[in-house]
N, C-alpha and C. Protein backbone atom coordinates (compact mmCIF):
# COMPACT_ATOMS: atom_id res chain seq x y z
N MET A 1 87.11 183.61 -76.16
CA MET A 1 86.20 182.66 -75.53
C MET A 1 85.32 182.16 -76.65
N ASN A 2 85.05 180.77 -76.56
CA ASN A 2 84.13 180.20 -77.35
C ASN A 2 82.71 179.96 -76.73
N LEU A 3 81.74 180.54 -77.29
CA LEU A 3 80.44 180.43 -76.54
C LEU A 3 79.95 179.02 -76.54
N ASN A 4 80.43 178.08 -77.39
CA ASN A 4 79.97 176.74 -77.39
C ASN A 4 80.41 176.04 -76.21
N THR A 5 81.36 176.60 -75.57
CA THR A 5 82.11 176.00 -74.37
C THR A 5 81.42 176.33 -73.03
N ILE A 6 80.45 177.35 -73.09
CA ILE A 6 79.76 177.70 -71.90
C ILE A 6 78.56 176.76 -71.66
N GLU A 7 78.80 176.03 -70.39
CA GLU A 7 77.77 175.01 -70.10
C GLU A 7 76.26 175.66 -69.98
N SER A 8 76.18 176.65 -69.44
CA SER A 8 74.87 177.33 -69.07
C SER A 8 74.24 178.02 -70.26
N LEU A 9 74.88 178.07 -71.37
CA LEU A 9 74.39 179.03 -72.52
C LEU A 9 73.93 178.03 -73.77
N LEU A 10 72.61 178.30 -74.15
CA LEU A 10 72.18 177.36 -75.20
C LEU A 10 72.02 178.30 -76.56
N LEU A 11 72.68 177.94 -77.50
CA LEU A 11 72.62 178.69 -78.69
C LEU A 11 71.63 178.13 -79.73
N LEU A 12 70.72 178.94 -80.16
CA LEU A 12 69.76 178.51 -81.21
C LEU A 12 69.65 179.53 -82.26
N ALA A 13 69.15 179.09 -83.48
CA ALA A 13 68.99 179.88 -84.73
C ALA A 13 67.66 180.58 -84.42
N GLY A 14 67.49 181.61 -85.07
CA GLY A 14 66.13 182.38 -85.13
C GLY A 14 66.29 183.69 -84.39
N GLY A 15 67.45 184.19 -83.91
CA GLY A 15 67.64 185.40 -83.13
C GLY A 15 68.28 186.42 -84.12
N GLN A 16 67.87 187.77 -83.94
CA GLN A 16 68.45 188.74 -84.72
C GLN A 16 68.43 189.95 -83.95
N PRO A 17 69.60 190.68 -83.87
CA PRO A 17 69.49 191.99 -83.18
C PRO A 17 68.80 193.00 -83.97
N LEU A 18 68.26 194.00 -83.39
CA LEU A 18 67.65 195.13 -84.14
C LEU A 18 68.30 196.40 -83.84
N TYR A 19 68.85 197.06 -85.00
CA TYR A 19 69.53 198.26 -84.94
C TYR A 19 68.65 199.47 -85.39
N TYR A 20 69.00 200.63 -84.90
CA TYR A 20 68.30 201.95 -85.31
C TYR A 20 69.33 202.91 -85.27
N GLU A 21 69.56 203.51 -86.48
CA GLU A 21 70.76 204.45 -86.63
C GLU A 21 71.97 204.02 -86.04
N GLY A 22 72.34 202.76 -86.11
CA GLY A 22 73.68 201.99 -85.63
C GLY A 22 73.61 201.73 -84.30
N ALA A 23 72.53 202.02 -83.56
CA ALA A 23 72.32 201.60 -82.09
C ALA A 23 71.55 200.27 -81.86
N LEU A 24 72.10 199.55 -81.08
CA LEU A 24 71.31 198.36 -80.77
C LEU A 24 70.20 198.71 -79.92
N VAL A 25 68.85 198.47 -80.55
CA VAL A 25 67.54 198.84 -79.74
C VAL A 25 66.71 197.66 -79.22
N GLY A 26 67.14 196.30 -79.61
CA GLY A 26 66.39 195.17 -79.29
C GLY A 26 66.74 194.03 -80.02
N ALA A 27 65.81 193.10 -80.03
CA ALA A 27 66.10 191.88 -80.80
C ALA A 27 64.77 191.18 -81.07
N ILE A 28 64.77 190.29 -81.95
CA ILE A 28 63.61 189.59 -82.35
C ILE A 28 64.08 188.02 -82.24
N GLY A 29 63.13 187.10 -81.90
CA GLY A 29 63.41 185.81 -81.78
C GLY A 29 62.31 184.95 -82.32
N ILE A 30 62.66 184.08 -83.22
CA ILE A 30 61.56 183.18 -83.78
C ILE A 30 61.88 181.75 -83.38
N SER A 31 60.92 180.94 -83.09
CA SER A 31 61.14 179.49 -82.68
C SER A 31 59.85 178.71 -83.16
N GLY A 32 60.24 177.44 -83.39
CA GLY A 32 58.99 176.50 -83.68
C GLY A 32 58.99 175.86 -85.03
N ALA A 33 59.63 176.39 -86.15
CA ALA A 33 59.65 175.80 -87.33
C ALA A 33 60.93 175.13 -87.80
N GLY A 34 61.86 174.99 -86.91
CA GLY A 34 63.11 174.35 -87.21
C GLY A 34 64.26 175.30 -87.43
N PRO A 35 65.43 175.10 -87.20
CA PRO A 35 66.43 176.23 -87.21
C PRO A 35 66.50 176.92 -88.41
N GLU A 36 66.51 176.29 -89.60
CA GLU A 36 66.66 176.92 -90.92
C GLU A 36 65.55 177.89 -91.05
N LEU A 37 64.37 177.55 -90.95
CA LEU A 37 63.13 178.43 -91.17
C LEU A 37 63.04 179.42 -90.08
N ASP A 38 63.37 179.11 -88.84
CA ASP A 38 63.45 180.18 -87.79
C ASP A 38 64.33 181.23 -88.15
N GLN A 39 65.51 180.84 -88.57
CA GLN A 39 66.52 181.79 -88.94
C GLN A 39 65.95 182.71 -90.07
N ALA A 40 65.59 182.01 -91.23
CA ALA A 40 65.16 182.71 -92.43
C ALA A 40 63.98 183.83 -92.12
N LEU A 41 63.00 183.33 -91.27
CA LEU A 41 61.81 184.24 -90.88
C LEU A 41 62.42 185.42 -89.94
N ALA A 42 63.38 185.08 -88.97
CA ALA A 42 64.02 186.25 -88.38
C ALA A 42 64.65 187.28 -89.17
N GLU A 43 65.33 186.72 -90.05
CA GLU A 43 66.08 187.69 -91.00
C GLU A 43 65.09 188.44 -91.83
N GLN A 44 64.07 187.85 -92.31
CA GLN A 44 63.10 188.61 -93.03
C GLN A 44 62.25 189.60 -92.34
N ALA A 45 61.87 189.23 -91.05
CA ALA A 45 61.35 190.30 -90.11
C ALA A 45 62.28 191.33 -89.78
N ASN A 46 63.59 191.16 -89.61
CA ASN A 46 64.52 192.23 -89.38
C ASN A 46 64.57 193.17 -90.68
N THR A 47 64.70 192.63 -91.69
CA THR A 47 64.66 193.36 -92.97
C THR A 47 63.53 194.25 -93.01
N PHE A 48 62.27 193.66 -92.76
CA PHE A 48 61.01 194.34 -92.90
C PHE A 48 60.94 195.57 -91.88
N LEU A 49 61.38 195.23 -90.57
CA LEU A 49 61.40 196.40 -89.57
C LEU A 49 62.39 197.36 -89.88
N THR A 50 63.53 197.06 -90.51
CA THR A 50 64.57 198.11 -90.87
C THR A 50 63.97 198.94 -91.98
N ASN A 51 63.12 198.55 -92.73
CA ASN A 51 62.71 199.31 -93.90
C ASN A 51 61.42 200.00 -93.71
N LEU A 52 60.91 200.07 -92.44
CA LEU A 52 59.80 200.82 -91.97
C LEU A 52 59.87 202.19 -92.20
C-alpha cells in the first residue's frame, strides 16, 4: 500500500518515532519552521533524548 494514495492521510516532515531498548515508546513532532528545518530539529531532538 502506498501511503500517498490514502486520501484522509496527510504526510508531513518533522515526525520521529522514539524507541527505548528497541521498543516504540512514543513520538516527537515538530512543526512551524518548514519541512527541512522541522525534520532536522526532530532528528536532533530524537538523538538528544536517545542519549539521555
